[in-house]
């Protein structure tokens, strides 16, 4: 695929890989620290919510800066390097300081994502004859592979070396951040003043509240379901006496399945329609999620967990591209608003799920998660296909 040979696309794709590789350490680290501090599931959910809200609520701000002042190069590469520094520092601090340091590191993720997904989508339009959903899905694939490999690597590093072992992952971010800064200089060839952004002149659809509301609800339910699994599956397995290596592997398999599903969903959506693919994938997701809730510890989890990730992850790029086409804002701001909303919704959902897990244990929470994706599948009936995005602002250097 020509897109994968494009150096500019690769710079943001590998940036996404390392950013989410570091982001994925949150669930493993918090599970590790919760055992030492005796954290309740409610506390674990609260810290997760704060981390995700810091990362998500600031994304629209970084997206606006990208569109308004053309700082995509600075924000994309700087976000990677910011995470490199703070994730390298956190393991050497006392836990009471390490957790705030971890939360501050999430600002790097917030700075990177709007600019990164904007460049990835634009490269799909220009290098893949308008197949923007497929391009976005490949960009998200790299990020989800980061979530896949992150716990698989981070779990054993924690077991062998403690939190200091994660310095190895932080060190990988340095050359990737510098490469992004170098490659994204090419985006500076589009001249623009700080007051005006280049506009791609194509017909623009009207924004209908009847479309945005169900899209937002579907996005929120999908994000809630994914964050429930990312946050609570490691703790569920830890409570059953499994080691960091085991629950790190299982957490990684969920995100690995999500990564594969994202590419499958993006490709199918460009061929068969976004609404139809989203409805099917979310409905299928309810099956493995429900089975996870009833079988306890079993080798079948090594199959069911990645299947749950694959079906829930298949709609991620569909939601983002639909929002990019519809929201009346610059592309980076639209991306930031969408991703920020999804992360925030997932964080809030996790905060609600934490007390339920304390009161009822994890299986009922996983059953509720299956119900969430089934409801999201039904709500896709209210979505509609949109014409190609227009009047879309392009953030420049």
Foldseek 3Di string as FASTA:
>chain_A
DVLCVDLLLVLLLLLLLLLLLLVLCLQLQLLVVCVVVVDALLVLLQLLLLLLLLLQVCLLVLLCCLQQAQCLLCLQLVLLLLLLVLLLVLQVDPPVVSSVSSSVNSVSVSSNQLSSLLVQQVCCVVVVVNLSLLSSLSSVLSNLLSSQVNLLVVLVLCVPPNSNSCNVSSVVSVVSSVSSSVSQVVLQPDDDDSRDFDFFADDADAADPLAVVLLLLLLLLLLQLLLLCSNCQLNLVVVVVDGSNVSSNLSSLLSNLLSVLQNVLSVVCVVPNLLVSLLVLLLQLLVLLLVPLPPRDDPCSSVSNSSNSNSSSNNVSVSLQVQLQRDPAASSSSNSNSSSSSSNSNSVSSSVVSVVCSVPNCSVVSNVSSVSSNVSSVSSVSHDDDDGHGRHGRRHD
